[in-house]
């Protein structure tokens, strides 16, 4: 089994900070990329940030300069600063295992609410 355990979600005021973490464990190998997606009410799930094994990062334009993604072995972190109400949503941890024989894994999601 593959488990993605997410933590760090919660309620924060606009301008505040939050740090999300996701630990991958189980029968998973050759992790190529890890990252975070989010889904706000009434919207489709969208990419927030990813980081590949070579260390290349990719951010949504809306979070560039505010969010920082990092990885430590099988754990991916997302430091979120200067949070805005539009950042509110359910954040899902994502893992891509393999490149040619690709397998995708998703966490259960953690709620992030930015409100005053």
PDB file of N, CA and C in Angstrom:
ATOM      1  N   UNK A   1       0.827  -1.185   0.000  1.00  0.00           N
ATOM      2  CA  UNK A   1       0.000   0.000   0.000  1.00  0.00           C
ATOM      3  C   UNK A   1       0.878   1.258   0.000  1.00  0.00           C
ATOM      4  N   UNK A   2       0.337   2.306  -0.606  1.00  0.00           N
ATOM      5  CA  UNK A   2       0.985   3.603  -0.640  1.00  0.00           C
ATOM      6  C   UNK A   2       0.172   4.558   0.217  1.00  0.00           C
ATOM      7  N   UNK A   3       0.849   5.249   1.112  1.00  0.00           N
ATOM      8  CA  UNK A   3       0.190   6.207   1.971  1.00  0.00           C
ATOM      9  C   UNK A   3       0.828   7.580   1.824  1.00  0.00           C
ATOM     10  N   UNK A   4      -0.017   8.580   1.664  1.00  0.00           N
ATOM     11  CA  UNK A   4       0.405   9.966   1.635  1.00  0.00           C
ATOM     12  C   UNK A   4      -0.281  10.664   2.801  1.00  0.00           C
ATOM     13  N   UNK A   5       0.497  11.008   3.808  1.00  0.00           N
ATOM     14  CA  UNK A   5      -0.036  11.616   5.021  1.00  0.00           C
ATOM     15  C   UNK A   5       0.236  13.111   4.981  1.00  0.00           C
ATOM     16  N   UNK A   6      -0.837  13.881   4.936  1.00  0.00           N
ATOM     17  CA  UNK A   6      -0.749  15.326   4.853  1.00  0.00           C
ATOM     18  C   UNK A   6      -0.976  15.952   6.221  1.00  0.00           C
ATOM     19  N   UNK A   7      -0.335  17.083   6.447  1.00  0.00           N
ATOM     20  CA  UNK A   7      -0.505  17.807   7.695  1.00  0.00           C
ATOM     21  C   UNK A   7      -0.213  19.278   7.470  1.00  0.00           C
ATOM     22  N   UNK A   8      -0.665  20.106   8.394  1.00  0.00           N
ATOM     23  CA  UNK A   8      -0.350  21.520   8.372  1.00  0.00           C
ATOM     24  C   UNK A   8      -1.471  22.438   7.945  1.00  0.00           C
ATOM     25  N   UNK A   9      -2.588  21.885   7.502  1.00  0.00           N
ATOM     26  CA  UNK A   9      -3.697  22.723   7.098  1.00  0.00           C
ATOM     27  C   UNK A   9      -4.362  23.386   8.285  1.00  0.00           C
ATOM     28  N   UNK A  10      -5.183  24.381   7.988  1.00  0.00           N
ATOM     29  CA  UNK A  10      -5.881  25.081   9.042  1.00  0.00           C
ATOM     30  C   UNK A  10      -6.412  26.411   8.579  1.00  0.00           C
ATOM     31  N   UNK A  11      -6.780  27.229   9.539  1.00  0.00           N
ATOM     32  CA  UNK A  11      -7.324  28.554   9.279  1.00  0.00           C
ATOM     33  C   UNK A  11      -6.268  29.603   9.585  1.00  0.00           C
ATOM     34  N   UNK A  12      -6.132  30.564   8.685  1.00  0.00           N
ATOM     35  CA  UNK A  12      -5.153  31.627   8.856  1.00  0.00           C
ATOM     36  C   UNK A  12      -5.730  32.917   8.294  1.00  0.00           C
ATOM     37  N   UNK A  13      -5.323  34.039   8.853  1.00  0.00           N
ATOM     38  CA  UNK A  13      -5.779  35.334   8.376  1.00  0.00           C
ATOM     39  C   UNK A  13      -5.030  35.752   7.122  1.00  0.00           C
ATOM     40  N   UNK A  14      -5.636  36.600   6.290  1.00  0.00           N
ATOM     41  CA  UNK A  14      -4.921  37.104   5.119  1.00  0.00           C
ATOM     42  C   UNK A  14      -3.590  37.728   5.510  1.00  0.00           C
ATOM     43  N   UNK A  15      -2.566  37.424   4.726  1.00  0.00           N
ATOM     44  CA  UNK A  15      -1.229  37.890   5.028  1.00  0.00           C
ATOM     45  C   UNK A  15      -0.436  36.956   5.904  1.00  0.00           C
ATOM     46  N   UNK A  16      -1.080  35.959   6.460  1.00  0.00           N
ATOM     47  CA  UNK A  16      -0.419  35.009   7.323  1.00  0.00           C
ATOM     48  C   UNK A  16       0.307  33.931   6.560  1.00  0.00           C
ATOM     49  N   UNK A  17       0.857  32.985   7.306  1.00  0.00           N
ATOM     50  CA  UNK A  17       1.650  31.904   6.732  1.00  0.00           C
ATOM     51  C   UNK A  17       1.171  30.557   7.240  1.00  0.00           C
ATOM     52  N   UNK A  18       1.430  29.551   6.430  1.00  0.00           N
ATOM     53  CA  UNK A  18       1.079  28.185   6.770  1.00  0.00           C
ATOM     54  C   UNK A  18       2.073  27.269   6.082  1.00  0.00           C
ATOM     55  N   UNK A  19       2.375  26.153   6.711  1.00  0.00           N
ATOM     56  CA  UNK A  19       3.316  25.195   6.138  1.00  0.00           C
ATOM     57  C   UNK A  19       2.651  23.827   6.054  1.00  0.00           C
ATOM     58  N   UNK A  20       2.552  23.304   4.844  1.00  0.00           N
ATOM     59  CA  UNK A  20       1.991  21.991   4.608  1.00  0.00           C
ATOM     60  C   UNK A  20       3.103  20.965   4.437  1.00  0.00           C
ATOM     61  N   UNK A  21       2.857  19.764   4.928  1.00  0.00           N
ATOM     62  CA  UNK A  21       3.802  18.678   4.769  1.00  0.00           C
ATOM     63  C   UNK A  21       3.070  17.432   4.307  1.00  0.00           C
ATOM     64  N   UNK A  22       3.764  16.618   3.534  1.00  0.00           N
ATOM     65  CA  UNK A  22       3.210  15.363   3.051  1.00  0.00           C
ATOM     66  C   UNK A  22       4.305  14.311   3.082  1.00  0.00           C
ATOM     67  N   UNK A  23       4.060  13.244   3.796  1.00  0.00           N
ATOM     68  CA  UNK A  23       5.012  12.144   3.910  1.00  0.00           C
ATOM     69  C   UNK A  23       4.485  10.930   3.152  1.00  0.00           C
ATOM     70  N   UNK A  24       5.262  10.462   2.201  1.00  0.00           N
ATOM     71  CA  UNK A  24       4.896   9.294   1.415  1.00  0.00           C
ATOM     72  C   UNK A  24       5.576   8.060   1.973  1.00  0.00           C
ATOM     73  N   UNK A  25       4.832   6.982   2.079  1.00  0.00           N
ATOM     74  CA  UNK A  25       5.379   5.737   2.591  1.00  0.00           C
ATOM     75  C   UNK A  25       4.660   4.557   1.957  1.00  0.00           C
ATOM     76  N   UNK A  26       5.203   3.365   2.169  1.00  0.00           N
ATOM     77  CA  UNK A  26       4.610   2.164   1.631  1.00  0.00           C
ATOM     78  C   UNK A  26       5.362   1.658   0.413  1.00  0.00           C
ATOM     79  N   UNK A  27       4.667   0.875  -0.387  1.00  0.00           N
ATOM     80  CA  UNK A  27       5.268   0.248  -1.565  1.00  0.00           C
ATOM     81  C   UNK A  27       5.332   1.224  -2.724  1.00  0.00           C
ATOM     82  N   UNK A  28       6.144   2.239  -2.546  1.00  0.00           N
ATOM     83  CA  UNK A  28       6.346   3.244  -3.582  1.00  0.00           C
ATOM     84  C   UNK A  28       7.837   3.338  -3.875  1.00  0.00           C
ATOM     85  N   UNK A  29       8.171   3.446  -5.128  1.00  0.00           N
ATOM     86  CA  UNK A  29       9.563   3.506  -5.531  1.00  0.00           C
ATOM     87  C   UNK A  29       9.732   4.482  -6.681  1.00  0.00           C
ATOM     88  N   UNK A  30      10.964   4.889  -6.871  1.00  0.00           N
ATOM     89  CA  UNK A  30      11.338   5.758  -7.989  1.00  0.00           C
ATOM     90  C   UNK A  30      10.458   7.000  -8.069  1.00  0.00           C
ATOM     91  N   UNK A  31      10.369   7.715  -6.968  1.00  0.00           N
ATOM     92  CA  UNK A  31       9.600   8.955  -6.961  1.00  0.00           C
ATOM     93  C   UNK A  31      10.301   9.974  -7.847  1.00  0.00           C
ATOM     94  N   UNK A  32       9.583  10.443  -8.857  1.00  0.00           N
ATOM     95  CA  UNK A  32      10.136  11.427  -9.772  1.00  0.00           C
ATOM     96  C   UNK A  32       9.730  12.845  -9.395  1.00  0.00           C
ATOM     97  N   UNK A  33       8.494  13.002  -8.958  1.00  0.00           N
ATOM     98  CA  UNK A  33       8.016  14.333  -8.624  1.00  0.00           C
ATOM     99  C   UNK A  33       7.052  14.267  -7.451  1.00  0.00           C
ATOM    100  N   UNK A  34       7.034  15.324  -6.680  1.00  0.00           N
ATOM    101  CA  UNK A  34       6.071  15.494  -5.609  1.00  0.00           C
ATOM    102  C   UNK A  34       5.546  16.916  -5.684  1.00  0.00           C
ATOM    103  N   UNK A  35       4.354  17.113  -5.173  1.00  0.00           N
ATOM    104  CA  UNK A  35       3.827  18.456  -5.225  1.00  0.00           C
ATOM    105  C   UNK A  35       2.480  18.594  -4.559  1.00  0.00           C
ATOM    106  N   UNK A  36       1.882  19.725  -4.815  1.00  0.00           N
ATOM    107  CA  UNK A  36       0.598  20.071  -4.228  1.00  0.00           C
ATOM    108  C   UNK A  36      -0.345  20.623  -5.278  1.00  0.00           C
ATOM    109  N   UNK A  37      -1.580  20.181  -5.213  1.00  0.00           N
ATOM    110  CA  UNK A  37      -2.673  20.717  -5.991  1.00  0.00           C
ATOM    111  C   UNK A  37      -3.734  21.206  -5.021  1.00  0.00           C
ATOM    112  N   UNK A  38      -4.630  22.052  -5.499  1.00  0.00           N
ATOM    113  CA  UNK A  38      -5.698  22.532  -4.641  1.00  0.00           C
ATOM    114  C   UNK A  38      -6.993  22.650  -5.426  1.00  0.00           C
ATOM    115  N   UNK A  39      -8.084  22.631  -4.688  1.00  0.00           N
ATOM    116  CA  UNK A  39      -9.397  22.745  -5.289  1.00  0.00           C
ATOM    117  C   UNK A  39     -10.268  23.617  -4.400  1.00  0.00           C
ATOM    118  N   UNK A  40     -10.711  24.738  -4.955  1.00  0.00           N
ATOM    119  CA  UNK A  40     -11.626  25.625  -4.260  1.00  0.00           C
ATOM    120  C   UNK A  40     -13.056  25.232  -4.600  1.00  0.00           C
ATOM    121  N   UNK A  41     -14.011  25.611  -3.766  1.00  0.00           N
ATOM    122  CA  UNK A  41     -15.414  25.280  -4.047  1.00  0.00           C
ATOM    123  C   UNK A  41     -15.847  25.771  -5.419  1.00  0.00           C
ATOM    124  N   UNK A  42     -16.462  24.892  -6.192  1.00  0.00           N
ATOM    125  CA  UNK A  42     -16.954  25.252  -7.502  1.00  0.00           C
ATOM    126  C   UNK A  42     -15.903  25.335  -8.590  1.00  0.00           C
ATOM    127  N   UNK A  43     -14.685  24.919  -8.307  1.00  0.00           N
ATOM    128  CA  UNK A  43     -13.610  24.970  -9.284  1.00  0.00           C
ATOM    129  C   UNK A  43     -12.994  23.590  -9.473  1.00  0.00           C
ATOM    130  N   UNK A  44     -12.206  23.464 -10.538  1.00  0.00           N
ATOM    131  CA  UNK A  44     -11.474  22.238 -10.780  1.00  0.00           C
ATOM    132  C   UNK A  44     -10.154  22.250 -10.021  1.00  0.00           C
ATOM    133  N   UNK A  45      -9.633  21.069  -9.767  1.00  0.00           N
ATOM    134  CA  UNK A  45      -8.356  20.962  -9.104  1.00  0.00           C
ATOM    135  C   UNK A  45      -7.265  21.569  -9.982  1.00  0.00           C
ATOM    136  N   UNK A  46      -6.395  22.368  -9.380  1.00  0.00           N
ATOM    137  CA  UNK A  46      -5.353  23.039 -10.117  1.00  0.00           C
ATOM    138  C   UNK A  46      -4.000  22.835  -9.457  1.00  0.00           C
ATOM    139  N   UNK A  47      -2.964  22.902 -10.271  1.00  0.00           N
ATOM    140  CA  UNK A  47      -1.607  22.772  -9.773  1.00  0.00           C
ATOM    141  C   UNK A  47      -1.226  23.982  -8.942  1.00  0.00           C
ATOM    142  N   UNK A  48      -0.575  23.726  -7.818  1.00  0.00           N
ATOM    143  CA  UNK A  48      -0.021  24.784  -6.984  1.00  0.00           C
ATOM    144  C   UNK A  48       1.494  24.831  -7.161  1.00  0.00           C
ATOM    145  N   UNK A  49       2.151  23.718  -6.906  1.00  0.00           N
ATOM    146  CA  UNK A  49       3.598  23.646  -7.032  1.00  0.00           C
ATOM    147  C   UNK A  49       4.039  22.198  -7.102  1.00  0.00           C
ATOM    148  N   UNK A  50       5.091  21.945  -7.867  1.00  0.00           N
ATOM    149  CA  UNK A  50       5.694  20.621  -7.933  1.00  0.00           C
ATOM    150  C   UNK A  50       7.205  20.752  -7.881  1.00  0.00           C
ATOM    151  N   UNK A  51       7.848  19.665  -7.490  1.00  0.00           N
ATOM    152  CA  UNK A  51       9.303  19.597  -7.491  1.00  0.00           C
ATOM    153  C   UNK A  51       9.705  18.212  -7.967  1.00  0.00           C
ATOM    154  N   UNK A  52      10.624  18.155  -8.916  1.00  0.00           N
ATOM    155  CA  UNK A  52      11.071  16.900  -9.486  1.00  0.00           C
ATOM    156  C   UNK A  52      12.347  16.440  -8.816  1.00  0.00           C
ATOM    157  N   UNK A  53      12.720  15.186  -9.072  1.00  0.00           N
ATOM    158  CA  UNK A  53      13.943  14.635  -8.488  1.00  0.00           C
ATOM    159  C   UNK A  53      15.182  15.444  -8.846  1.00  0.00           C
ATOM    160  N   UNK A  54      15.295  15.943 -10.081  1.00  0.00           N
ATOM    161  CA  UNK A  54      16.429  16.828 -10.382  1.00  0.00           C
ATOM    162  C   UNK A  54      16.396  18.153  -9.638  1.00  0.00           C
ATOM    163  N   UNK A  55      15.299  18.442  -8.939  1.00  0.00           N
ATOM    164  CA  UNK A  55      15.202  19.664  -8.169  1.00  0.00           C
ATOM    165  C   UNK A  55      14.501  20.807  -8.857  1.00  0.00           C
ATOM    166  N   UNK A  56      13.962  20.565 -10.033  1.00  0.00           N
ATOM    167  CA  UNK A  56      13.253  21.616 -10.750  1.00  0.00           C
ATOM    168  C   UNK A  56      11.899  21.866 -10.111  1.00  0.00           C
ATOM    169  N   UNK A  57      11.595  23.132  -9.888  1.00  0.00           N
ATOM    170  CA  UNK A  57      10.324  23.514  -9.293  1.00  0.00           C
ATOM    171  C   UNK A  57       9.424  24.161 -10.323  1.00  0.00           C
ATOM    172  N   UNK A  58       8.135  24.025 -10.100  1.00  0.00           N
ATOM    173  CA  UNK A  58       7.136  24.607 -10.969  1.00  0.00           C
ATOM    174  C   UNK A  58       6.020  25.157 -10.095  1.00  0.00           C
ATOM    175  N   UNK A  59       5.668  26.418 -10.305  1.00  0.00           N
ATOM    176  CA  UNK A  59       4.655  27.078  -9.503  1.00  0.00           C
ATOM    177  C   UNK A  59       3.563  27.650 -10.381  1.00  0.00           C
ATOM    178  N   UNK A  60       2.357  27.635  -9.860  1.00  0.00           N
ATOM    179  CA  UNK A  60       1.290  28.381 -10.497  1.00  0.00           C
ATOM    180  C   UNK A  60       1.617  29.864 -10.437  1.00  0.00           C
ATOM    181  N   UNK A  61       1.242  30.589 -11.478  1.00  0.00           N
ATOM    182  CA  UNK A  61       1.545  32.014 -11.518  1.00  0.00           C
ATOM    183  C   UNK A  61       0.981  32.750 -10.303  1.00  0.00           C
ATOM    184  N   UNK A  62      -0.149  32.306  -9.819  1.00  0.00           N
ATOM    185  CA  UNK A  62      -0.816  32.994  -8.729  1.00  0.00           C
ATOM    186  C   UNK A  62      -0.090  32.871  -7.397  1.00  0.00           C
ATOM    187  N   UNK A  63       0.845  31.922  -7.283  1.00  0.00           N
ATOM    188  CA  UNK A  63       1.536  31.716  -6.012  1.00  0.00           C
ATOM    189  C   UNK A  63       3.024  32.016  -6.093  1.00  0.00           C
ATOM    190  N   UNK A  64       3.529  32.349  -7.261  1.00  0.00           N
ATOM    191  CA  UNK A  64       4.945  32.641  -7.408  1.00  0.00           C
ATOM    192  C   UNK A  64       5.354  33.806  -6.518  1.00  0.00           C
ATOM    193  N   UNK A  65       6.468  33.629  -5.830  1.00  0.00           N
ATOM    194  CA  UNK A  65       6.951  34.644  -4.919  1.00  0.00           C
ATOM    195  C   UNK A  65       6.365  34.565  -3.535  1.00  0.00           C
ATOM    196  N   UNK A  66       5.321  33.779  -3.361  1.00  0.00           N
ATOM    197  CA  UNK A  66       4.674  33.639  -2.061  1.00  0.00           C
ATOM    198  C   UNK A  66       4.833  32.236  -1.483  1.00  0.00           C
ATOM    199  N   UNK A  67       4.810  31.226  -2.337  1.00  0.00           N
ATOM    200  CA  UNK A  67       4.911  29.837  -1.897  1.00  0.00           C
ATOM    201  C   UNK A  67       6.276  29.282  -2.252  1.00  0.00           C
ATOM    202  N   UNK A  68       6.778  28.383  -1.423  1.00  0.00           N
ATOM    203  CA  UNK A  68       8.038  27.706  -1.675  1.00  0.00           C
ATOM    204  C   UNK A  68       7.871  26.218  -1.416  1.00  0.00           C
ATOM    205  N   UNK A  69       8.201  25.410  -2.421  1.00  0.00           N
ATOM    206  CA  UNK A  69       8.106  23.968  -2.275  1.00  0.00           C
ATOM    207  C   UNK A  69       9.497  23.393  -2.058  1.00  0.00           C
ATOM    208  N   UNK A  70       9.586  22.395  -1.220  1.00  0.00           N
ATOM    209  CA  UNK A  70      10.848  21.730  -0.953  1.00  0.00           C
ATOM    210  C   UNK A  70      10.591  20.259  -0.691  1.00  0.00           C
ATOM    211  N   UNK A  71      11.650  19.471  -0.820  1.00  0.00           N
ATOM    212  CA  UNK A  71      11.517  18.028  -0.639  1.00  0.00           C
ATOM    213  C   UNK A  71      12.688  17.486   0.149  1.00  0.00           C
ATOM    214  N   UNK A  72      12.395  16.582   1.053  1.00  0.00           N
ATOM    215  CA  UNK A  72      13.390  15.880   1.831  1.00  0.00           C
ATOM    216  C   UNK A  72      13.058  14.404   1.764  1.00  0.00           C
ATOM    217  N   UNK A  73      13.761  13.680   0.888  1.00  0.00           N
ATOM    218  CA  UNK A  73      13.503  12.265   0.647  1.00  0.00           C
ATOM    219  C   UNK A  73      12.050  12.067   0.223  1.00  0.00           C
ATOM    220  N   UNK A  74      11.255  11.384   1.030  1.00  0.00           N
ATOM    221  CA  UNK A  74       9.871  11.107   0.668  1.00  0.00           C
ATOM    222  C   UNK A  74       8.877  12.063   1.310  1.00  0.00           C
ATOM    223  N   UNK A  75       9.358  13.218   1.722  1.00  0.00           N
ATOM    224  CA  UNK A  75       8.499  14.236   2.308  1.00  0.00           C
ATOM    225  C   UNK A  75       8.582  15.506   1.479  1.00  0.00           C
ATOM    226  N   UNK A  76       7.437  16.064   1.156  1.00  0.00           N
ATOM    227  CA  UNK A  76       7.375  17.313   0.429  1.00  0.00           C
ATOM    228  C   UNK A  76       6.701  18.351   1.311  1.00  0.00           C
ATOM    229  N   UNK A  77       7.250  19.559   1.295  1.00  0.00           N
ATOM    230  CA  UNK A  77       6.734  20.645   2.102  1.00  0.00           C
ATOM    231  C   UNK A  77       6.339  21.808   1.220  1.00  0.00           C
ATOM    232  N   UNK A  78       5.366  22.548   1.669  1.00  0.00           N
ATOM    233  CA  UNK A  78       4.932  23.750   0.970  1.00  0.00           C
ATOM    234  C   UNK A  78       4.812  24.869   1.984  1.00  0.00           C
ATOM    235  N   UNK A  79       5.741  25.814   1.914  1.00  0.00           N
ATOM    236  CA  UNK A  79       5.690  26.994   2.763  1.00  0.00           C
ATOM    237  C   UNK A  79       4.862  28.048   2.055  1.00  0.00           C
ATOM    238  N   UNK A  80       3.775  28.467   2.680  1.00  0.00           N
ATOM    239  CA  UNK A  80       2.855  29.414   2.081  1.00  0.00           C
ATOM    240  C   UNK A  80       2.878  30.698   2.893  1.00  0.00           C
ATOM    241  N   UNK A  81       3.340  31.774   2.269  1.00  0.00           N
ATOM    242  CA  UNK A  81       3.407  33.079   2.896  1.00  0.00           C
ATOM    243  C   UNK A  81       2.479  34.050   2.189  1.00  0.00           C
ATOM    244  N   UNK A  82       2.197  35.147   2.860  1.00  0.00           N
ATOM    245  CA  UNK A  82       1.338  36.194   2.299  1.00  0.00           C
ATOM    246  C   UNK A  82       0.051  35.611   1.741  1.00  0.00           C
ATOM    247  N   UNK A  83      -0.586  34.782   2.527  1.00  0.00           N
ATOM    248  CA  UNK A  83      -1.776  34.078   2.067  1.00  0.00           C
ATOM    249  C   UNK A  83      -2.925  35.031   1.783  1.00  0.00           C
ATOM    250  N   UNK A  84      -3.687  34.693   0.762  1.00  0.00           N
ATOM    251  CA  UNK A  84      -4.833  35.468   0.328  1.00  0.00           C
ATOM    252  C   UNK A  84      -6.100  34.632   0.443  1.00  0.00           C
ATOM    253  N   UNK A  85      -7.261  35.280   0.528  1.00  0.00           N
ATOM    254  CA  UNK A  85      -8.511  34.515   0.563  1.00  0.00           C
ATOM    255  C   UNK A  85      -8.669  33.567  -0.624  1.00  0.00           C
ATOM    256  N   UNK A  86      -8.144  33.943  -1.793  1.00  0.00           N
ATOM    257  CA  UNK A  86      -8.239  33.085  -2.965  1.00  0.00           C
ATOM    258  C   UNK A  86      -7.412  31.815  -2.842  1.00  0.00           C
ATOM    259  N   UNK A  87      -6.539  31.747  -1.847  1.00  0.00           N
ATOM    260  CA  UNK A  87      -5.770  30.531  -1.607  1.00  0.00           C
ATOM    261  C   UNK A  87      -6.593  29.473  -0.887  1.00  0.00           C
ATOM    262  N   UNK A  88      -7.769  29.826  -0.445  1.00  0.00           N
ATOM    263  CA  UNK A  88      -8.624  28.897   0.284  1.00  0.00           C
ATOM    264  C   UNK A  88      -9.006  27.706  -0.587  1.00  0.00           C
ATOM    265  N   UNK A  89      -8.937  26.534  -0.021  1.00  0.00           N
ATOM    266  CA  UNK A  89      -9.327  25.338  -0.730  1.00  0.00           C
ATOM    267  C   UNK A  89      -8.784  24.099  -0.048  1.00  0.00           C
ATOM    268  N   UNK A  90      -9.078  22.967  -0.648  1.00  0.00           N
ATOM    269  CA  UNK A  90      -8.537  21.703  -0.182  1.00  0.00           C
ATOM    270  C   UNK A  90      -7.248  21.444  -0.940  1.00  0.00           C
ATOM    271  N   UNK A  91      -6.182  21.240  -0.212  1.00  0.00           N
ATOM    272  CA  UNK A  91      -4.869  21.011  -0.802  1.00  0.00           C
ATOM    273  C   UNK A  91      -4.555  19.525  -0.788  1.00  0.00           C
ATOM    274  N   UNK A  92      -4.167  19.010  -1.952  1.00  0.00           N
ATOM    275  CA  UNK A  92      -3.903  17.589  -2.124  1.00  0.00           C
ATOM    276  C   UNK A  92      -2.431  17.353  -2.425  1.00  0.00           C
ATOM    277  N   UNK A  93      -1.840  16.455  -1.688  1.00  0.00           N
ATOM    278  CA  UNK A  93      -0.475  16.028  -1.958  1.00  0.00           C
ATOM    279  C   UNK A  93      -0.455  15.126  -3.186  1.00  0.00           C
ATOM    280  N   UNK A  94       0.580  15.263  -4.001  1.00  0.00           N
ATOM    281  CA  UNK A  94       0.701  14.510  -5.243  1.00  0.00           C
ATOM    282  C   UNK A  94       2.087  13.891  -5.347  1.00  0.00           C
ATOM    283  N   UNK A  95       2.125  12.651  -5.803  1.00  0.00           N
ATOM    284  CA  UNK A  95       3.380  11.947  -6.039  1.00  0.00           C
ATOM    285  C   UNK A  95       3.334  11.297  -7.405  1.00  0.00           C
ATOM    286  N   UNK A  96       4.375  11.507  -8.194  1.00  0.00           N
ATOM    287  CA  UNK A  96       4.559  10.805  -9.450  1.00  0.00           C
ATOM    288  C   UNK A  96       5.704   9.833  -9.277  1.00  0.00           C
ATOM    289  N   UNK A  97       5.413   8.548  -9.451  1.00  0.00           N
ATOM    290  CA  UNK A  97       6.429   7.515  -9.386  1.00  0.00           C
ATOM    291  C   UNK A  97       6.754   7.050 -10.792  1.00  0.00           C
ATOM    292  N   UNK A  98       8.025   7.074 -11.137  1.00  0.00           N
ATOM    293  CA  UNK A  98       8.446   6.636 -12.456  1.00  0.00           C
ATOM    294  C   UNK A  98       8.278   7.722 -13.494  1.00  0.00           C
ATOM    295  N   UNK A  99       8.920   7.491 -14.635  1.00  0.00           N
ATOM    296  CA  UNK A  99       8.816   8.426 -15.748  1.00  0.00           C
ATOM    297  C   UNK A  99       8.105   7.768 -16.924  1.00  0.00           C
ATOM    298  N   UNK A 100       8.663   6.658 -17.420  1.00  0.00           N
ATOM    299  CA  UNK A 100       8.029   5.934 -18.520  1.00  0.00           C
ATOM    300  C   UNK A 100       6.901   5.047 -18.017  1.00  0.00           C
ATOM    301  N   UNK A 101       7.148   4.331 -16.916  1.00  0.00           N
ATOM    302  CA  UNK A 101       6.112   3.540 -16.271  1.00  0.00           C
ATOM    303  C   UNK A 101       5.536   4.383 -15.137  1.00  0.00           C
ATOM    304  N   UNK A 102       4.739   5.348 -15.505  1.00  0.00           N
ATOM    305  CA  UNK A 102       4.298   6.378 -14.579  1.00  0.00           C
ATOM    306  C   UNK A 102       3.091   5.935 -13.759  1.00  0.00           C
ATOM    307  N   UNK A 103       3.147   6.258 -12.468  1.00  0.00           N
ATOM    308  CA  UNK A 103       2.039   6.036 -11.556  1.00  0.00           C
ATOM    309  C   UNK A 103       1.846   7.282 -10.698  1.00  0.00           C
ATOM    310  N   UNK A 104       0.618   7.695 -10.563  1.00  0.00           N
ATOM    311  CA  UNK A 104       0.274   8.886  -9.794  1.00  0.00           C
ATOM    312  C   UNK A 104      -0.453   8.503  -8.515  1.00  0.00           C
ATOM    313  N   UNK A 105      -0.132   9.207  -7.447  1.00  0.00           N
ATOM    314  CA  UNK A 105      -0.759   8.972  -6.155  1.00  0.00           C
ATOM    315  C   UNK A 105      -1.227  10.298  -5.579  1.00  0.00           C
ATOM    316  N   UNK A 106      -2.328  10.248  -4.846  1.00  0.00           N
ATOM    317  CA  UNK A 106      -2.930  11.442  -4.271  1.00  0.00           C
ATOM    318  C   UNK A 106      -3.234  11.251  -2.801  1.00  0.00           C
ATOM    319  N   UNK A 107      -3.034  12.314  -2.044  1.00  0.00           N
ATOM    320  CA  UNK A 107      -3.429  12.313  -0.653  1.00  0.00           C
ATOM    321  C   UNK A 107      -4.914  12.572  -0.504  1.00  0.00           C
ATOM    322  N   UNK A 108      -5.390  12.485   0.721  1.00  0.00           N
ATOM    323  CA  UNK A 108      -6.809  12.683   0.986  1.00  0.00           C
ATOM    324  C   UNK A 108      -7.218  14.150   0.969  1.00  0.00           C
ATOM    325  N   UNK A 109      -6.264  15.035   1.113  1.00  0.00           N
ATOM    326  CA  UNK A 109      -6.538  16.457   1.095  1.00  0.00           C
ATOM    327  C   UNK A 109      -6.587  17.048   2.491  1.00  0.00           C
ATOM    328  N   UNK A 110      -6.132  18.281   2.603  1.00  0.00           N
ATOM    329  CA  UNK A 110      -6.181  19.009   3.856  1.00  0.00           C
ATOM    330  C   UNK A 110      -6.726  20.405   3.591  1.00  0.00           C
ATOM    331  N   UNK A 111      -7.624  20.850   4.444  1.00  0.00           N
ATOM    332  CA  UNK A 111      -8.309  22.120   4.239  1.00  0.00           C
ATOM    333  C   UNK A 111      -7.420  23.289   4.648  1.00  0.00           C
ATOM    334  N   UNK A 112      -7.344  24.280   3.766  1.00  0.00           N
ATOM    335  CA  UNK A 112      -6.686  25.547   4.051  1.00  0.00           C
ATOM    336  C   UNK A 112      -7.715  26.650   3.874  1.00  0.00           C
ATOM    337  N   UNK A 113      -7.928  27.414   4.921  1.00  0.00           N
ATOM    338  CA  UNK A 113      -8.891  28.502   4.882  1.00  0.00           C
ATOM    339  C   UNK A 113      -8.194  29.803   5.239  1.00  0.00           C
ATOM    340  N   UNK A 114      -8.287  30.777   4.344  1.00  0.00           N
ATOM    341  CA  UNK A 114      -7.701  32.096   4.561  1.00  0.00           C
ATOM    342  C   UNK A 114      -8.857  33.081   4.677  1.00  0.00           C
ATOM    343  N   UNK A 115      -9.083  33.567   5.869  1.00  0.00           N
ATOM    344  CA  UNK A 115     -10.223  34.432   6.116  1.00  0.00           C
ATOM    345  C   UNK A 115      -9.963  35.292   7.340  1.00  0.00           C
ATOM    346  N   UNK A 116     -10.517  36.500   7.316  1.00  0.00           N
ATOM    347  CA  UNK A 116     -10.433  37.392   8.456  1.00  0.00           C
ATOM    348  C   UNK A 116     -11.715  37.370   9.264  1.00  0.00           C
TER     349      UNK A 116
END
